[in-house]
Amino acid sequence: MTVAAKICGLNSRAAVAAAVEGGASHVGFVFYPPSPRSLEPPAAAALAALVPPAIVKVGLFVDADDETLARVTAAVALDMLQLHGHETPSRVADIKRRFARPVMKAISVAGPADIDGAQAYAGVADWLLFDAKPPKDMAGALPGGNALAFDWTLVGARSWPLPWMLSGGLHVGNLAEAVRISHASAVDVSSGVEDRPGVKNPAKIRAFLAAARAL
């Protein structure tokens, strides 16, 4: 089957062009200042304008307050909000209502208990995204984009009542195995198509998307 792919953390025209031309289903823009991929709204708006309507434009936020969400969504034409922090189910529902956009909730996974906790979001989120939880002693760890993978069998053994994506440590070399084990029909990549944190490589983006299409 063809696997849908989201390219996250885009911050250059060349990277956006590679994602669009390569057939990404979603593109992601980060609004979390500690991240090397973070954008200010004017820069994100200019990049989002390059994305055709058929591709879902996703804004990534981490425990953002309403003021931040309002400022960004007023400036950038986002189709979906990705919540990558410790947002509770009630906060997810509130954001979805207030900002009238579908919401993707990221679930940080280290073990079975984290997968169990994802069920609480099934009735409020539109998508789930399963990412690797960084170890507590990891220096400079971000909520996502740490080039870490988790045990893919944890999601592969479950069925979910809503769409979901697999993320965390994916790259062109392990994509097929990750999909085979997890049974994911959609994947998300950021660090796996970079030369270094925050610097996307258009050739790696195109290669990853070609590999996803070939599955």
Foldseek 3Di string as FASTA:
>chain_A
DFFAEEEELDQDLLQLVLCQVLHHQEYEQECDVLALSHDDQVSQQVNLVVHDPRHAYEYEDEPDDPVVVVVNVVRHVHQEYEYLYDQALVNLQVCCVVSVHAYEYEQADADLVSVVVCVRNQVRHQEYEYEHDDDPPDPSDDSHDPLAAYDLLSQLVDDGPHAYEYEYNDFLVCVVVSCVRNVHRYYYYYNRQAPDRSHGDSVRSSSNSVSSRVD
